[in-house]
N, C-alpha and C. Protein backbone atom coordinates (compact mmCIF):
# COMPACT_ATOMS: atom_id res chain seq x y z
N UNK A 1 -35.83 35.76 -14.88
CA UNK A 1 -34.99 35.53 -16.04
C UNK A 1 -33.54 35.26 -15.61
N UNK A 2 -33.06 36.04 -14.62
CA UNK A 2 -31.70 35.87 -14.13
C UNK A 2 -31.52 34.48 -13.52
N UNK A 3 -32.52 34.01 -12.77
CA UNK A 3 -32.48 32.68 -12.17
C UNK A 3 -32.38 31.62 -13.26
N UNK A 4 -33.14 31.79 -14.33
CA UNK A 4 -33.16 30.83 -15.42
C UNK A 4 -31.78 30.72 -16.09
N UNK A 5 -31.12 31.86 -16.32
CA UNK A 5 -29.78 31.85 -16.92
C UNK A 5 -28.78 31.17 -15.99
N UNK A 6 -28.86 31.48 -14.71
CA UNK A 6 -27.97 30.87 -13.73
C UNK A 6 -28.19 29.36 -13.70
N UNK A 7 -29.45 28.95 -13.71
CA UNK A 7 -29.76 27.53 -13.69
C UNK A 7 -29.19 26.84 -14.93
N UNK A 8 -29.36 27.45 -16.09
CA UNK A 8 -28.86 26.86 -17.33
C UNK A 8 -27.33 26.75 -17.33
N UNK A 9 -26.68 27.75 -16.78
CA UNK A 9 -25.21 27.71 -16.70
C UNK A 9 -24.77 26.57 -15.78
N UNK A 10 -25.40 26.44 -14.64
CA UNK A 10 -25.07 25.37 -13.70
C UNK A 10 -25.35 24.00 -14.34
N UNK A 11 -26.48 23.90 -15.03
CA UNK A 11 -26.82 22.65 -15.70
C UNK A 11 -25.77 22.30 -16.76
N UNK A 12 -25.36 23.27 -17.56
CA UNK A 12 -24.35 23.06 -18.59
C UNK A 12 -23.03 22.60 -17.98
N UNK A 13 -22.60 23.27 -16.92
CA UNK A 13 -21.34 22.91 -16.26
C UNK A 13 -21.43 21.49 -15.71
N UNK A 14 -22.56 21.17 -15.12
CA UNK A 14 -22.75 19.84 -14.55
C UNK A 14 -22.70 18.77 -15.63
N UNK A 15 -23.37 19.00 -16.75
CA UNK A 15 -23.37 18.04 -17.85
C UNK A 15 -21.97 17.92 -18.45
N UNK A 16 -21.30 19.05 -18.65
CA UNK A 16 -19.95 19.04 -19.21
C UNK A 16 -18.99 18.28 -18.30
N UNK A 17 -19.06 18.58 -17.01
CA UNK A 17 -18.18 17.92 -16.03
C UNK A 17 -18.43 16.42 -16.03
N UNK A 18 -19.68 16.03 -16.02
CA UNK A 18 -20.05 14.61 -16.03
C UNK A 18 -19.56 13.95 -17.31
N UNK A 19 -19.67 14.64 -18.42
CA UNK A 19 -19.23 14.11 -19.71
C UNK A 19 -17.72 13.90 -19.74
N UNK A 20 -16.96 14.85 -19.20
CA UNK A 20 -15.50 14.74 -19.16
C UNK A 20 -15.08 13.57 -18.27
N UNK A 21 -15.72 13.45 -17.10
CA UNK A 21 -15.40 12.34 -16.20
C UNK A 21 -15.74 11.01 -16.84
N UNK A 22 -16.87 10.96 -17.55
CA UNK A 22 -17.27 9.75 -18.25
C UNK A 22 -16.26 9.41 -19.35
N UNK A 23 -15.79 10.44 -20.03
CA UNK A 23 -14.79 10.24 -21.08
C UNK A 23 -13.50 9.67 -20.49
N UNK A 24 -13.07 10.22 -19.37
CA UNK A 24 -11.86 9.74 -18.71
C UNK A 24 -12.05 8.28 -18.27
N UNK A 25 -13.22 7.97 -17.76
CA UNK A 25 -13.51 6.59 -17.34
C UNK A 25 -13.49 5.65 -18.54
N UNK A 26 -14.02 6.09 -19.67
CA UNK A 26 -13.99 5.27 -20.89
C UNK A 26 -12.55 5.01 -21.35
N UNK A 27 -11.73 6.03 -21.27
CA UNK A 27 -10.32 5.88 -21.65
C UNK A 27 -9.65 4.86 -20.74
N UNK A 28 -9.87 4.99 -19.42
CA UNK A 28 -9.29 4.03 -18.47
C UNK A 28 -9.79 2.62 -18.72
N UNK A 29 -11.09 2.47 -18.96
CA UNK A 29 -11.64 1.13 -19.22
C UNK A 29 -10.97 0.50 -20.44
N UNK A 30 -10.79 1.29 -21.48
CA UNK A 30 -10.13 0.80 -22.69
C UNK A 30 -8.68 0.39 -22.40
N UNK A 31 -7.97 1.23 -21.69
CA UNK A 31 -6.57 0.92 -21.37
C UNK A 31 -6.46 -0.32 -20.50
N UNK A 32 -7.34 -0.46 -19.52
CA UNK A 32 -7.30 -1.65 -18.66
C UNK A 32 -7.69 -2.92 -19.43
N UNK A 33 -8.62 -2.79 -20.37
CA UNK A 33 -8.96 -3.95 -21.21
C UNK A 33 -7.73 -4.41 -21.99
N UNK A 34 -6.98 -3.46 -22.52
CA UNK A 34 -5.76 -3.80 -23.25
C UNK A 34 -4.71 -4.39 -22.31
N UNK A 35 -4.61 -3.81 -21.12
CA UNK A 35 -3.60 -4.25 -20.15
C UNK A 35 -3.82 -5.71 -19.74
N UNK A 36 -5.07 -6.11 -19.63
CA UNK A 36 -5.37 -7.49 -19.26
C UNK A 36 -4.91 -8.48 -20.32
N UNK A 37 -4.86 -8.03 -21.57
CA UNK A 37 -4.57 -8.93 -22.69
C UNK A 37 -3.15 -8.82 -23.21
N UNK A 38 -2.40 -7.83 -22.76
CA UNK A 38 -1.07 -7.59 -23.30
C UNK A 38 -0.16 -8.78 -23.02
N UNK A 39 0.71 -9.08 -23.98
CA UNK A 39 1.53 -10.28 -23.84
C UNK A 39 3.04 -10.01 -23.77
N UNK A 40 3.41 -8.74 -23.68
CA UNK A 40 4.84 -8.46 -23.48
C UNK A 40 5.01 -7.24 -22.58
N UNK A 41 6.16 -7.23 -21.91
CA UNK A 41 6.39 -6.21 -20.88
C UNK A 41 6.53 -4.81 -21.48
N UNK A 42 7.04 -4.69 -22.70
CA UNK A 42 7.20 -3.37 -23.31
C UNK A 42 5.83 -2.71 -23.53
N UNK A 43 4.89 -3.47 -24.09
CA UNK A 43 3.54 -2.93 -24.31
C UNK A 43 2.84 -2.66 -22.99
N UNK A 44 3.06 -3.53 -22.01
CA UNK A 44 2.45 -3.33 -20.69
C UNK A 44 2.97 -2.03 -20.07
N UNK A 45 4.26 -1.78 -20.19
CA UNK A 45 4.84 -0.55 -19.64
C UNK A 45 4.26 0.69 -20.32
N UNK A 46 4.04 0.62 -21.62
CA UNK A 46 3.44 1.75 -22.33
C UNK A 46 2.00 2.00 -21.86
N UNK A 47 1.24 0.92 -21.69
CA UNK A 47 -0.13 1.07 -21.20
C UNK A 47 -0.15 1.61 -19.78
N UNK A 48 0.77 1.11 -18.95
CA UNK A 48 0.86 1.60 -17.58
C UNK A 48 1.13 3.10 -17.57
N UNK A 49 2.04 3.53 -18.41
CA UNK A 49 2.37 4.96 -18.49
C UNK A 49 1.15 5.79 -18.90
N UNK A 50 0.38 5.28 -19.85
CA UNK A 50 -0.83 5.99 -20.28
C UNK A 50 -1.86 6.06 -19.16
N UNK A 51 -2.00 4.97 -18.41
CA UNK A 51 -2.95 4.96 -17.29
C UNK A 51 -2.54 5.99 -16.24
N UNK A 52 -1.25 6.01 -15.91
CA UNK A 52 -0.77 7.00 -14.94
C UNK A 52 -1.03 8.42 -15.44
N UNK A 53 -0.88 8.61 -16.75
CA UNK A 53 -1.12 9.94 -17.32
C UNK A 53 -2.57 10.37 -17.12
N UNK A 54 -3.50 9.44 -17.29
CA UNK A 54 -4.92 9.75 -17.07
C UNK A 54 -5.18 10.01 -15.59
N UNK A 55 -4.65 9.14 -14.75
CA UNK A 55 -4.88 9.30 -13.31
C UNK A 55 -4.35 10.63 -12.79
N UNK A 56 -3.23 11.08 -13.32
CA UNK A 56 -2.58 12.30 -12.83
C UNK A 56 -3.22 13.58 -13.35
N UNK A 57 -4.21 13.48 -14.21
CA UNK A 57 -4.92 14.66 -14.72
C UNK A 57 -6.32 14.68 -14.13
N UNK A 58 -6.63 15.76 -13.45
CA UNK A 58 -7.99 15.90 -12.93
C UNK A 58 -8.93 16.00 -14.13
N UNK A 59 -10.08 15.33 -14.07
CA UNK A 59 -10.96 15.31 -15.25
C UNK A 59 -11.56 16.65 -15.62
N UNK A 60 -11.66 17.59 -14.67
CA UNK A 60 -12.34 18.85 -15.00
C UNK A 60 -11.61 20.10 -14.51
N UNK A 61 -10.56 19.95 -13.74
CA UNK A 61 -9.97 21.13 -13.10
C UNK A 61 -8.44 21.14 -13.30
N UNK A 62 -8.01 21.94 -14.23
CA UNK A 62 -6.59 22.02 -14.55
C UNK A 62 -5.77 22.50 -13.35
N UNK A 63 -6.34 23.40 -12.55
CA UNK A 63 -5.62 23.91 -11.38
C UNK A 63 -5.32 22.79 -10.37
N UNK A 64 -6.25 21.85 -10.23
CA UNK A 64 -6.00 20.73 -9.32
C UNK A 64 -4.88 19.84 -9.87
N UNK A 65 -4.85 19.67 -11.18
CA UNK A 65 -3.76 18.91 -11.80
C UNK A 65 -2.43 19.59 -11.51
N UNK A 66 -2.40 20.90 -11.66
CA UNK A 66 -1.16 21.66 -11.40
C UNK A 66 -0.75 21.56 -9.93
N UNK A 67 -1.72 21.62 -9.03
CA UNK A 67 -1.42 21.49 -7.60
C UNK A 67 -0.87 20.10 -7.28
N UNK A 68 -1.46 19.09 -7.91
CA UNK A 68 -0.98 17.72 -7.68
C UNK A 68 0.47 17.59 -8.15
N UNK A 69 0.78 18.17 -9.30
CA UNK A 69 2.16 18.14 -9.81
C UNK A 69 3.10 18.86 -8.84
N UNK A 70 2.67 20.01 -8.33
CA UNK A 70 3.48 20.78 -7.39
C UNK A 70 3.70 19.99 -6.10
N UNK A 71 2.63 19.41 -5.56
CA UNK A 71 2.75 18.61 -4.35
C UNK A 71 3.68 17.42 -4.55
N UNK A 72 3.62 16.82 -5.72
CA UNK A 72 4.49 15.68 -6.03
C UNK A 72 5.95 16.12 -6.08
N UNK A 73 6.20 17.28 -6.67
CA UNK A 73 7.58 17.81 -6.68
C UNK A 73 8.07 18.08 -5.27
N UNK A 74 7.23 18.69 -4.46
CA UNK A 74 7.61 18.95 -3.07
C UNK A 74 7.95 17.65 -2.35
N UNK A 75 7.14 16.64 -2.58
CA UNK A 75 7.37 15.34 -1.95
C UNK A 75 8.71 14.76 -2.41
N UNK A 76 9.00 14.85 -3.70
CA UNK A 76 10.24 14.31 -4.24
C UNK A 76 11.46 15.04 -3.68
N UNK A 77 11.29 16.31 -3.37
CA UNK A 77 12.41 17.08 -2.81
C UNK A 77 12.46 17.02 -1.28
N UNK A 78 11.56 16.25 -0.68
CA UNK A 78 11.62 16.04 0.76
C UNK A 78 10.89 17.08 1.60
N UNK A 79 10.14 17.97 0.97
CA UNK A 79 9.38 18.96 1.73
C UNK A 79 8.00 18.37 2.06
N UNK A 80 8.01 17.40 2.96
CA UNK A 80 6.82 16.61 3.25
C UNK A 80 5.68 17.42 3.86
N UNK A 81 5.99 18.33 4.75
CA UNK A 81 4.93 19.09 5.41
C UNK A 81 4.18 19.99 4.44
N UNK A 82 4.91 20.64 3.55
CA UNK A 82 4.26 21.50 2.56
C UNK A 82 3.48 20.65 1.56
N UNK A 83 4.06 19.53 1.14
CA UNK A 83 3.37 18.63 0.23
C UNK A 83 2.06 18.14 0.86
N UNK A 84 2.10 17.83 2.15
CA UNK A 84 0.91 17.36 2.84
C UNK A 84 -0.19 18.42 2.80
N UNK A 85 0.18 19.69 3.01
CA UNK A 85 -0.81 20.76 2.95
C UNK A 85 -1.43 20.84 1.55
N UNK A 86 -0.61 20.68 0.53
CA UNK A 86 -1.11 20.73 -0.86
C UNK A 86 -2.10 19.59 -1.10
N UNK A 87 -1.69 18.36 -0.74
CA UNK A 87 -2.56 17.20 -0.97
C UNK A 87 -3.85 17.29 -0.14
N UNK A 88 -3.74 17.75 1.10
CA UNK A 88 -4.94 17.95 1.93
C UNK A 88 -5.91 18.90 1.25
N UNK A 89 -5.38 19.99 0.71
CA UNK A 89 -6.20 20.99 0.04
C UNK A 89 -6.90 20.42 -1.19
N UNK A 90 -6.17 19.62 -1.96
CA UNK A 90 -6.77 19.02 -3.15
C UNK A 90 -7.91 18.08 -2.75
N UNK A 91 -7.67 17.29 -1.71
CA UNK A 91 -8.68 16.32 -1.26
C UNK A 91 -9.93 17.03 -0.75
N UNK A 92 -9.76 18.15 -0.06
CA UNK A 92 -10.91 18.93 0.40
C UNK A 92 -11.68 19.47 -0.80
N UNK A 93 -10.94 19.91 -1.81
CA UNK A 93 -11.58 20.48 -3.01
C UNK A 93 -12.31 19.41 -3.81
N UNK A 94 -11.69 18.24 -3.97
CA UNK A 94 -12.33 17.15 -4.71
C UNK A 94 -12.01 15.81 -4.05
N UNK A 95 -12.83 15.38 -3.11
CA UNK A 95 -12.57 14.13 -2.40
C UNK A 95 -12.80 12.87 -3.25
N UNK A 96 -13.24 13.04 -4.49
CA UNK A 96 -13.49 11.90 -5.37
C UNK A 96 -12.36 11.66 -6.37
N UNK A 97 -11.29 12.44 -6.28
CA UNK A 97 -10.17 12.24 -7.20
C UNK A 97 -9.21 11.25 -6.56
N UNK A 98 -9.17 10.06 -7.08
CA UNK A 98 -8.39 8.98 -6.47
C UNK A 98 -6.90 9.31 -6.40
N UNK A 99 -6.39 10.01 -7.39
CA UNK A 99 -4.94 10.24 -7.40
C UNK A 99 -4.48 11.20 -6.31
N UNK A 100 -5.34 12.10 -5.88
CA UNK A 100 -4.98 12.97 -4.75
C UNK A 100 -4.80 12.12 -3.49
N UNK A 101 -5.71 11.18 -3.27
CA UNK A 101 -5.59 10.27 -2.13
C UNK A 101 -4.34 9.41 -2.27
N UNK A 102 -4.06 8.95 -3.49
CA UNK A 102 -2.89 8.10 -3.70
C UNK A 102 -1.59 8.84 -3.42
N UNK A 103 -1.52 10.08 -3.87
CA UNK A 103 -0.29 10.85 -3.62
C UNK A 103 -0.10 11.08 -2.12
N UNK A 104 -1.20 11.38 -1.43
CA UNK A 104 -1.07 11.58 0.01
C UNK A 104 -0.71 10.27 0.70
N UNK A 105 -1.24 9.16 0.23
CA UNK A 105 -0.87 7.85 0.79
C UNK A 105 0.62 7.59 0.61
N UNK A 106 1.15 7.95 -0.55
CA UNK A 106 2.58 7.80 -0.81
C UNK A 106 3.38 8.67 0.14
N UNK A 107 2.92 9.89 0.32
CA UNK A 107 3.60 10.81 1.23
C UNK A 107 3.60 10.26 2.66
N UNK A 108 2.45 9.78 3.11
CA UNK A 108 2.39 9.18 4.45
C UNK A 108 3.34 8.00 4.57
N UNK A 109 3.45 7.21 3.52
CA UNK A 109 4.39 6.08 3.53
C UNK A 109 5.82 6.59 3.73
N UNK A 110 6.17 7.62 2.98
CA UNK A 110 7.52 8.19 3.11
C UNK A 110 7.77 8.77 4.50
N UNK A 111 6.70 9.21 5.15
CA UNK A 111 6.79 9.77 6.49
C UNK A 111 6.69 8.68 7.57
N UNK A 112 6.63 7.41 7.14
CA UNK A 112 6.47 6.26 8.05
C UNK A 112 5.17 6.30 8.84
N UNK A 113 4.15 6.93 8.27
CA UNK A 113 2.82 6.96 8.89
C UNK A 113 1.96 5.92 8.16
N UNK A 114 2.23 4.65 8.50
CA UNK A 114 1.65 3.55 7.74
C UNK A 114 0.14 3.43 7.90
N UNK A 115 -0.38 3.68 9.08
CA UNK A 115 -1.83 3.60 9.28
C UNK A 115 -2.54 4.65 8.43
N UNK A 116 -2.02 5.86 8.43
CA UNK A 116 -2.61 6.93 7.61
C UNK A 116 -2.51 6.58 6.13
N UNK A 117 -1.39 6.03 5.74
CA UNK A 117 -1.21 5.64 4.34
C UNK A 117 -2.21 4.56 3.95
N UNK A 118 -2.38 3.54 4.80
CA UNK A 118 -3.34 2.48 4.50
C UNK A 118 -4.77 3.02 4.43
N UNK A 119 -5.10 3.97 5.30
CA UNK A 119 -6.44 4.58 5.25
C UNK A 119 -6.66 5.30 3.92
N UNK A 120 -5.65 6.04 3.46
CA UNK A 120 -5.78 6.73 2.18
C UNK A 120 -5.83 5.73 1.02
N UNK A 121 -5.08 4.66 1.11
CA UNK A 121 -5.12 3.64 0.07
C UNK A 121 -6.52 3.04 -0.01
N UNK A 122 -7.15 2.82 1.12
CA UNK A 122 -8.53 2.33 1.10
C UNK A 122 -9.45 3.29 0.34
N UNK A 123 -9.24 4.59 0.55
CA UNK A 123 -10.04 5.59 -0.18
C UNK A 123 -9.77 5.52 -1.68
N UNK A 124 -8.49 5.38 -2.05
CA UNK A 124 -8.13 5.25 -3.47
C UNK A 124 -8.87 4.07 -4.07
N UNK A 125 -8.80 2.92 -3.41
CA UNK A 125 -9.37 1.69 -3.95
C UNK A 125 -10.90 1.71 -3.96
N UNK A 126 -11.50 2.49 -3.08
CA UNK A 126 -12.96 2.66 -3.14
C UNK A 126 -13.36 3.45 -4.38
N UNK A 127 -12.53 4.39 -4.78
CA UNK A 127 -12.81 5.22 -5.96
C UNK A 127 -12.36 4.51 -7.23
N UNK A 128 -11.14 3.93 -7.20
CA UNK A 128 -10.56 3.28 -8.38
C UNK A 128 -9.99 1.92 -7.95
N UNK A 129 -10.83 0.87 -7.97
CA UNK A 129 -10.40 -0.45 -7.49
C UNK A 129 -9.23 -1.05 -8.27
N UNK A 130 -8.97 -0.55 -9.48
CA UNK A 130 -7.90 -1.08 -10.31
C UNK A 130 -6.58 -0.35 -10.10
N UNK A 131 -6.48 0.46 -9.11
CA UNK A 131 -5.28 1.29 -8.92
C UNK A 131 -4.12 0.41 -8.46
N UNK A 132 -3.37 -0.09 -9.43
CA UNK A 132 -2.26 -1.01 -9.14
C UNK A 132 -1.15 -0.33 -8.34
N UNK A 133 -0.98 0.97 -8.49
CA UNK A 133 0.01 1.69 -7.69
C UNK A 133 -0.34 1.67 -6.22
N UNK A 134 -1.62 1.90 -5.93
CA UNK A 134 -2.08 1.87 -4.53
C UNK A 134 -1.97 0.46 -3.97
N UNK A 135 -2.31 -0.54 -4.78
CA UNK A 135 -2.22 -1.93 -4.32
C UNK A 135 -0.77 -2.33 -4.05
N UNK A 136 0.13 -1.86 -4.89
CA UNK A 136 1.55 -2.14 -4.68
C UNK A 136 2.05 -1.46 -3.41
N UNK A 137 1.63 -0.22 -3.20
CA UNK A 137 2.00 0.49 -1.98
C UNK A 137 1.44 -0.19 -0.75
N UNK A 138 0.21 -0.66 -0.87
CA UNK A 138 -0.43 -1.38 0.23
C UNK A 138 0.39 -2.63 0.57
N UNK A 139 0.82 -3.35 -0.46
CA UNK A 139 1.63 -4.56 -0.24
C UNK A 139 2.94 -4.22 0.47
N UNK A 140 3.57 -3.13 0.06
CA UNK A 140 4.84 -2.73 0.68
C UNK A 140 4.66 -2.38 2.17
N UNK A 141 3.55 -1.74 2.48
CA UNK A 141 3.27 -1.43 3.89
C UNK A 141 3.03 -2.72 4.67
N UNK A 142 2.25 -3.62 4.10
CA UNK A 142 2.00 -4.88 4.79
C UNK A 142 3.30 -5.66 5.03
N UNK A 143 4.23 -5.57 4.10
CA UNK A 143 5.52 -6.24 4.29
C UNK A 143 6.25 -5.59 5.48
N UNK A 144 6.27 -4.27 5.52
CA UNK A 144 6.92 -3.58 6.64
C UNK A 144 6.27 -3.94 7.98
N UNK A 145 4.95 -4.18 7.94
CA UNK A 145 4.22 -4.53 9.16
C UNK A 145 4.24 -6.03 9.41
N UNK A 146 4.95 -6.76 8.57
CA UNK A 146 5.07 -8.23 8.64
C UNK A 146 3.71 -8.92 8.52
N UNK A 147 2.84 -8.33 7.73
CA UNK A 147 1.54 -8.95 7.40
C UNK A 147 1.66 -9.51 5.99
N UNK A 148 2.44 -10.57 5.88
CA UNK A 148 2.85 -11.08 4.58
C UNK A 148 1.70 -11.63 3.73
N UNK A 149 0.76 -12.32 4.36
CA UNK A 149 -0.38 -12.85 3.60
C UNK A 149 -1.20 -11.72 2.99
N UNK A 150 -1.37 -10.65 3.76
CA UNK A 150 -2.11 -9.49 3.25
C UNK A 150 -1.36 -8.85 2.09
N UNK A 151 -0.04 -8.82 2.17
CA UNK A 151 0.77 -8.26 1.08
C UNK A 151 0.56 -9.06 -0.21
N UNK A 152 0.56 -10.37 -0.07
CA UNK A 152 0.35 -11.23 -1.25
C UNK A 152 -1.04 -10.99 -1.84
N UNK A 153 -2.05 -10.86 -0.98
CA UNK A 153 -3.41 -10.61 -1.47
C UNK A 153 -3.50 -9.30 -2.24
N UNK A 154 -2.80 -8.27 -1.77
CA UNK A 154 -2.81 -6.98 -2.48
C UNK A 154 -2.21 -7.13 -3.87
N UNK A 155 -1.10 -7.84 -3.96
CA UNK A 155 -0.46 -8.01 -5.25
C UNK A 155 -1.32 -8.88 -6.17
N UNK A 156 -1.88 -9.94 -5.62
CA UNK A 156 -2.75 -10.81 -6.44
C UNK A 156 -3.96 -10.04 -6.96
N UNK A 157 -4.46 -9.15 -6.16
CA UNK A 157 -5.59 -8.32 -6.60
C UNK A 157 -5.20 -7.47 -7.81
N UNK A 158 -4.00 -6.91 -7.78
CA UNK A 158 -3.52 -6.11 -8.92
C UNK A 158 -3.27 -6.99 -10.15
N UNK A 159 -2.79 -8.19 -9.93
CA UNK A 159 -2.48 -9.08 -11.05
C UNK A 159 -3.73 -9.52 -11.81
N UNK A 160 -4.90 -9.41 -11.19
CA UNK A 160 -6.14 -9.79 -11.87
C UNK A 160 -6.40 -8.91 -13.08
N UNK A 161 -6.07 -7.63 -13.00
CA UNK A 161 -6.31 -6.74 -14.13
C UNK A 161 -5.02 -6.23 -14.75
N UNK A 162 -3.88 -6.60 -14.16
CA UNK A 162 -2.57 -6.23 -14.72
C UNK A 162 -1.67 -7.46 -14.57
N UNK A 163 -1.90 -8.49 -15.39
CA UNK A 163 -1.19 -9.77 -15.24
C UNK A 163 0.33 -9.68 -15.31
N UNK A 164 0.86 -8.71 -16.02
CA UNK A 164 2.33 -8.61 -16.15
C UNK A 164 2.93 -7.57 -15.20
N UNK A 165 2.18 -7.22 -14.15
CA UNK A 165 2.63 -6.21 -13.19
C UNK A 165 3.92 -6.65 -12.52
N UNK A 166 4.92 -5.79 -12.55
CA UNK A 166 6.24 -6.10 -11.99
C UNK A 166 6.18 -6.48 -10.51
N UNK A 167 5.25 -5.90 -9.77
CA UNK A 167 5.15 -6.21 -8.34
C UNK A 167 4.83 -7.68 -8.11
N UNK A 168 4.32 -8.37 -9.12
CA UNK A 168 4.06 -9.79 -9.00
C UNK A 168 5.32 -10.58 -8.69
N UNK A 169 6.46 -10.03 -9.07
CA UNK A 169 7.74 -10.68 -8.81
C UNK A 169 8.06 -10.71 -7.31
N UNK A 170 7.34 -9.92 -6.53
CA UNK A 170 7.57 -9.88 -5.08
C UNK A 170 6.99 -11.09 -4.36
N UNK A 171 6.02 -11.76 -4.97
CA UNK A 171 5.32 -12.85 -4.29
C UNK A 171 6.27 -13.95 -3.82
N UNK A 172 7.17 -14.47 -4.67
CA UNK A 172 8.09 -15.51 -4.17
C UNK A 172 8.95 -15.02 -2.99
N UNK A 173 9.35 -13.76 -3.03
CA UNK A 173 10.16 -13.21 -1.93
C UNK A 173 9.34 -13.15 -0.63
N UNK A 174 8.07 -12.77 -0.77
CA UNK A 174 7.19 -12.69 0.41
C UNK A 174 6.94 -14.10 0.95
N UNK A 175 6.72 -15.05 0.05
CA UNK A 175 6.51 -16.44 0.49
C UNK A 175 7.74 -16.97 1.23
N UNK A 176 8.91 -16.55 0.79
CA UNK A 176 10.15 -16.95 1.48
C UNK A 176 10.17 -16.37 2.90
N UNK A 177 9.74 -15.10 3.04
CA UNK A 177 9.66 -14.49 4.37
C UNK A 177 8.68 -15.24 5.27
N UNK A 178 7.58 -15.69 4.69
CA UNK A 178 6.59 -16.46 5.47
C UNK A 178 7.21 -17.76 5.96
N UNK A 179 7.93 -18.45 5.06
CA UNK A 179 8.58 -19.71 5.43
C UNK A 179 9.62 -19.49 6.53
N UNK A 180 10.41 -18.43 6.37
CA UNK A 180 11.45 -18.12 7.37
C UNK A 180 10.83 -17.79 8.72
N UNK A 181 9.71 -17.11 8.70
CA UNK A 181 9.03 -16.72 9.92
C UNK A 181 8.48 -17.93 10.68
N UNK A 182 8.11 -18.97 9.93
CA UNK A 182 7.51 -20.15 10.56
C UNK A 182 8.54 -21.14 11.08
N UNK A 183 9.82 -20.87 10.81
CA UNK A 183 10.89 -21.76 11.29
C UNK A 183 11.20 -21.49 12.73
């Protein structure tokens, strides 16, 4: 009887967790559908803010959301080593949460650890291929590494589902760098 109760509790938690993640995915799908069709920058900015709000909330674990917020504050205040420990811990706890990988990728970028940042960005994009923040960060790293064509590809990838993405304005500047490099 005890086994049966334990099994039912685990089953309930599993179904609830799956349902919450599915709900979050539905919200993101709806927001991205709107983002593809939006025709002005003000509405695009509002949708972007809503998407970030969803990404920054763990679908089932409030404590992980709080840890992510804490790690982000540490990063903003320049305490990179402590922030790294926080993000590492979150990733170990839930390696499928794209925003934990994205925050750590941002931290690695700030630490000038570009290879580590690109590796984390790859993880983000495997989990959430529409992550325009990760794609923008990837483009910025490619620019620093003078891989200009790759930078343009990252931005173009984001523009497919976020046509009014501000990072799109970087493309003419990158093309200018390519022209200057070939002189």
